[in-house]
């Protein structure tokens, strides 16, 4: 009981720990979609650089990369354009982030890469 009444206080350290835990949790909730976006964009650029002759094979590889990163897109959402030796990949999606029901935000991501 003495520790609860000391000069330094008991509530302040608990409050600081709770705030730090909340900030870390929020950072992870927002950071994961951005990490997946960055990894997918890099992978899409590498696939576009390969420049496969068939557009459908390229689309299938992009879709597979999106699924591995848990990106919520469908095959129809992936636009592939080929001009000469350049392959352009375009797609976009949205992710909802909810922080303990207190804060809700929709993040929009767009990938537009050439290879």
C-alpha atoms as a PDB file:
ATOM      1  CA  UNK A   1       0.000   0.000   0.000  1.00  0.00           C
ATOM      2  CA  UNK A   2       2.915   2.310   0.652  1.00  0.00           C
ATOM      3  CA  UNK A   3       3.910   2.221  -3.057  1.00  0.00           C
ATOM      4  CA  UNK A   4       0.548   3.659  -4.016  1.00  0.00           C
ATOM      5  CA  UNK A   5       1.136   6.747  -1.854  1.00  0.00           C
ATOM      6  CA  UNK A   6       4.788   7.541  -2.497  1.00  0.00           C
ATOM      7  CA  UNK A   7       5.945  10.971  -3.717  1.00  0.00           C
ATOM      8  CA  UNK A   8       6.494   9.897  -7.330  1.00  0.00           C
ATOM      9  CA  UNK A   9       2.902   8.731  -7.698  1.00  0.00           C
ATOM     10  CA  UNK A  10       1.421   5.584  -9.124  1.00  0.00           C
ATOM     11  CA  UNK A  11      -1.039   6.852 -11.705  1.00  0.00           C
ATOM     12  CA  UNK A  12       1.397   8.911 -13.760  1.00  0.00           C
ATOM     13  CA  UNK A  13       3.666   5.966 -14.797  1.00  0.00           C
ATOM     14  CA  UNK A  14       0.612   3.845 -15.640  1.00  0.00           C
ATOM     15  CA  UNK A  15      -0.843   6.659 -17.717  1.00  0.00           C
ATOM     16  CA  UNK A  16       2.428   7.122 -19.601  1.00  0.00           C
ATOM     17  CA  UNK A  17       2.641   3.374 -20.275  1.00  0.00           C
ATOM     18  CA  UNK A  18      -0.972   3.289 -21.494  1.00  0.00           C
ATOM     19  CA  UNK A  19      -0.388   6.251 -23.826  1.00  0.00           C
ATOM     20  CA  UNK A  20       2.816   4.708 -25.196  1.00  0.00           C
ATOM     21  CA  UNK A  21       1.042   1.377 -25.790  1.00  0.00           C
ATOM     22  CA  UNK A  22      -1.790   3.174 -27.605  1.00  0.00           C
ATOM     23  CA  UNK A  23       0.659   5.103 -29.795  1.00  0.00           C
ATOM     24  CA  UNK A  24       2.564   1.931 -30.690  1.00  0.00           C
ATOM     25  CA  UNK A  25      -0.684   0.117 -31.496  1.00  0.00           C
ATOM     26  CA  UNK A  26      -1.870   3.019 -33.679  1.00  0.00           C
ATOM     27  CA  UNK A  27       1.477   3.195 -35.459  1.00  0.00           C
ATOM     28  CA  UNK A  28       1.319  -0.498 -36.285  1.00  0.00           C
ATOM     29  CA  UNK A  29      -2.284  -0.222 -37.524  1.00  0.00           C
ATOM     30  CA  UNK A  30      -1.314   2.582 -39.923  1.00  0.00           C
ATOM     31  CA  UNK A  31       2.153   1.272 -40.752  1.00  0.00           C
ATOM     32  CA  UNK A  32       1.178  -2.176 -42.000  1.00  0.00           C
ATOM     33  CA  UNK A  33      -0.909  -0.930 -44.988  1.00  0.00           C
ATOM     34  CA  UNK A  34       1.907   1.438 -46.009  1.00  0.00           C
ATOM     35  CA  UNK A  35       4.444  -1.401 -45.751  1.00  0.00           C
ATOM     36  CA  UNK A  36       2.269  -3.627 -47.970  1.00  0.00           C
ATOM     37  CA  UNK A  37       1.861  -0.759 -50.451  1.00  0.00           C
ATOM     38  CA  UNK A  38       5.607  -0.164 -50.658  1.00  0.00           C
ATOM     39  CA  UNK A  39       6.432  -3.855 -51.053  1.00  0.00           C
ATOM     40  CA  UNK A  40       3.737  -4.347 -53.703  1.00  0.00           C
ATOM     41  CA  UNK A  41       4.829  -1.276 -55.663  1.00  0.00           C
ATOM     42  CA  UNK A  42       8.405  -2.536 -55.727  1.00  0.00           C
ATOM     43  CA  UNK A  43       7.309  -6.000 -56.818  1.00  0.00           C
ATOM     44  CA  UNK A  44       5.016  -4.572 -59.519  1.00  0.00           C
ATOM     45  CA  UNK A  45       7.893  -2.504 -60.887  1.00  0.00           C
ATOM     46  CA  UNK A  46      10.097  -5.610 -61.050  1.00  0.00           C
ATOM     47  CA  UNK A  47       7.381  -7.557 -62.861  1.00  0.00           C
ATOM     48  CA  UNK A  48       6.827  -4.683 -65.307  1.00  0.00           C
ATOM     49  CA  UNK A  49      10.575  -4.585 -65.966  1.00  0.00           C
ATOM     50  CA  UNK A  50      10.481  -8.228 -67.036  1.00  0.00           C
ATOM     51  CA  UNK A  51       8.169  -7.122 -69.820  1.00  0.00           C
ATOM     52  CA  UNK A  52       6.450 -10.416 -70.555  1.00  0.00           C
ATOM     53  CA  UNK A  53       4.984 -10.587 -74.033  1.00  0.00           C
ATOM     54  CA  UNK A  54       1.540 -11.656 -72.874  1.00  0.00           C
ATOM     55  CA  UNK A  55      -0.497  -9.065 -70.990  1.00  0.00           C
ATOM     56  CA  UNK A  56      -2.561 -11.740 -69.204  1.00  0.00           C
ATOM     57  CA  UNK A  57       0.562 -13.428 -67.806  1.00  0.00           C
ATOM     58  CA  UNK A  58       1.789 -10.080 -66.515  1.00  0.00           C
ATOM     59  CA  UNK A  59      -1.635  -9.384 -64.979  1.00  0.00           C
ATOM     60  CA  UNK A  60      -1.634 -12.824 -63.334  1.00  0.00           C
ATOM     61  CA  UNK A  61       1.817 -12.210 -61.819  1.00  0.00           C
ATOM     62  CA  UNK A  62       0.767  -8.775 -60.530  1.00  0.00           C
ATOM     63  CA  UNK A  63      -2.402 -10.286 -59.045  1.00  0.00           C
ATOM     64  CA  UNK A  64      -0.378 -13.045 -57.368  1.00  0.00           C
ATOM     65  CA  UNK A  65       1.984 -10.426 -55.900  1.00  0.00           C
ATOM     66  CA  UNK A  66      -1.032  -8.472 -54.608  1.00  0.00           C
ATOM     67  CA  UNK A  67      -2.467 -11.568 -52.964  1.00  0.00           C
ATOM     68  CA  UNK A  68       0.859 -12.344 -51.269  1.00  0.00           C
ATOM     69  CA  UNK A  69       0.857  -8.797 -49.801  1.00  0.00           C
ATOM     70  CA  UNK A  70      -2.844  -9.083 -48.828  1.00  0.00           C
ATOM     71  CA  UNK A  71      -3.766  -6.207 -51.140  1.00  0.00           C
ATOM     72  CA  UNK A  72      -7.564  -6.116 -51.719  1.00  0.00           C
ATOM     73  CA  UNK A  73      -7.718  -5.923 -55.533  1.00  0.00           C
ATOM     74  CA  UNK A  74      -9.248  -8.101 -58.217  1.00  0.00           C
ATOM     75  CA  UNK A  75      -7.832  -9.075 -61.607  1.00  0.00           C
ATOM     76  CA  UNK A  76     -10.104  -6.520 -63.294  1.00  0.00           C
ATOM     77  CA  UNK A  77      -8.578  -3.735 -61.165  1.00  0.00           C
ATOM     78  CA  UNK A  78      -5.147  -4.225 -62.752  1.00  0.00           C
ATOM     79  CA  UNK A  79      -4.561  -2.255 -65.950  1.00  0.00           C
ATOM     80  CA  UNK A  80      -1.598  -3.321 -68.095  1.00  0.00           C
ATOM     81  CA  UNK A  81      -0.454  -1.180 -71.047  1.00  0.00           C
ATOM     82  CA  UNK A  82       2.304  -2.261 -73.423  1.00  0.00           C
ATOM     83  CA  UNK A  83       4.044   0.144 -75.804  1.00  0.00           C
ATOM     84  CA  UNK A  84       7.138  -1.007 -77.666  1.00  0.00           C
ATOM     85  CA  UNK A  85       9.431  -2.240 -74.876  1.00  0.00           C
ATOM     86  CA  UNK A  86       7.640  -0.491 -72.013  1.00  0.00           C
ATOM     87  CA  UNK A  87       5.095  -2.160 -69.768  1.00  0.00           C
ATOM     88  CA  UNK A  88       2.936   0.064 -67.574  1.00  0.00           C
ATOM     89  CA  UNK A  89       1.041  -1.302 -64.567  1.00  0.00           C
ATOM     90  CA  UNK A  90      -1.758   0.694 -62.915  1.00  0.00           C
ATOM     91  CA  UNK A  91      -4.023  -0.242 -60.033  1.00  0.00           C
ATOM     92  CA  UNK A  92      -5.511   1.274 -56.906  1.00  0.00           C
ATOM     93  CA  UNK A  93      -7.279   0.187 -53.743  1.00  0.00           C
ATOM     94  CA  UNK A  94      -8.472   1.406 -50.369  1.00  0.00           C
ATOM     95  CA  UNK A  95      -7.909   0.062 -46.871  1.00  0.00           C
ATOM     96  CA  UNK A  96      -9.991   0.933 -43.810  1.00  0.00           C
ATOM     97  CA  UNK A  97      -8.067   1.473 -40.575  1.00  0.00           C
ATOM     98  CA  UNK A  98      -9.995   1.454 -37.313  1.00  0.00           C
ATOM     99  CA  UNK A  99      -8.285   2.344 -34.045  1.00  0.00           C
ATOM    100  CA  UNK A 100     -10.282   0.693 -31.244  1.00  0.00           C
ATOM    101  CA  UNK A 101     -13.514   2.120 -32.629  1.00  0.00           C
ATOM    102  CA  UNK A 102     -12.341   5.613 -31.650  1.00  0.00           C
ATOM    103  CA  UNK A 103     -10.823   6.696 -34.957  1.00  0.00           C
ATOM    104  CA  UNK A 104     -11.642   5.471 -38.448  1.00  0.00           C
ATOM    105  CA  UNK A 105      -9.756   6.379 -41.610  1.00  0.00           C
ATOM    106  CA  UNK A 106      -9.780   5.088 -45.182  1.00  0.00           C
ATOM    107  CA  UNK A 107      -6.349   5.000 -46.811  1.00  0.00           C
ATOM    108  CA  UNK A 108      -6.207   5.168 -50.624  1.00  0.00           C
ATOM    109  CA  UNK A 109      -3.257   3.676 -52.508  1.00  0.00           C
ATOM    110  CA  UNK A 110      -2.369   3.956 -56.204  1.00  0.00           C
ATOM    111  CA  UNK A 111       0.359   2.088 -58.062  1.00  0.00           C
ATOM    112  CA  UNK A 112       1.440   3.408 -61.456  1.00  0.00           C
ATOM    113  CA  UNK A 113       4.796   1.958 -62.518  1.00  0.00           C
ATOM    114  CA  UNK A 114       6.636   1.426 -65.786  1.00  0.00           C
ATOM    115  CA  UNK A 115       9.285  -1.101 -66.571  1.00  0.00           C
END
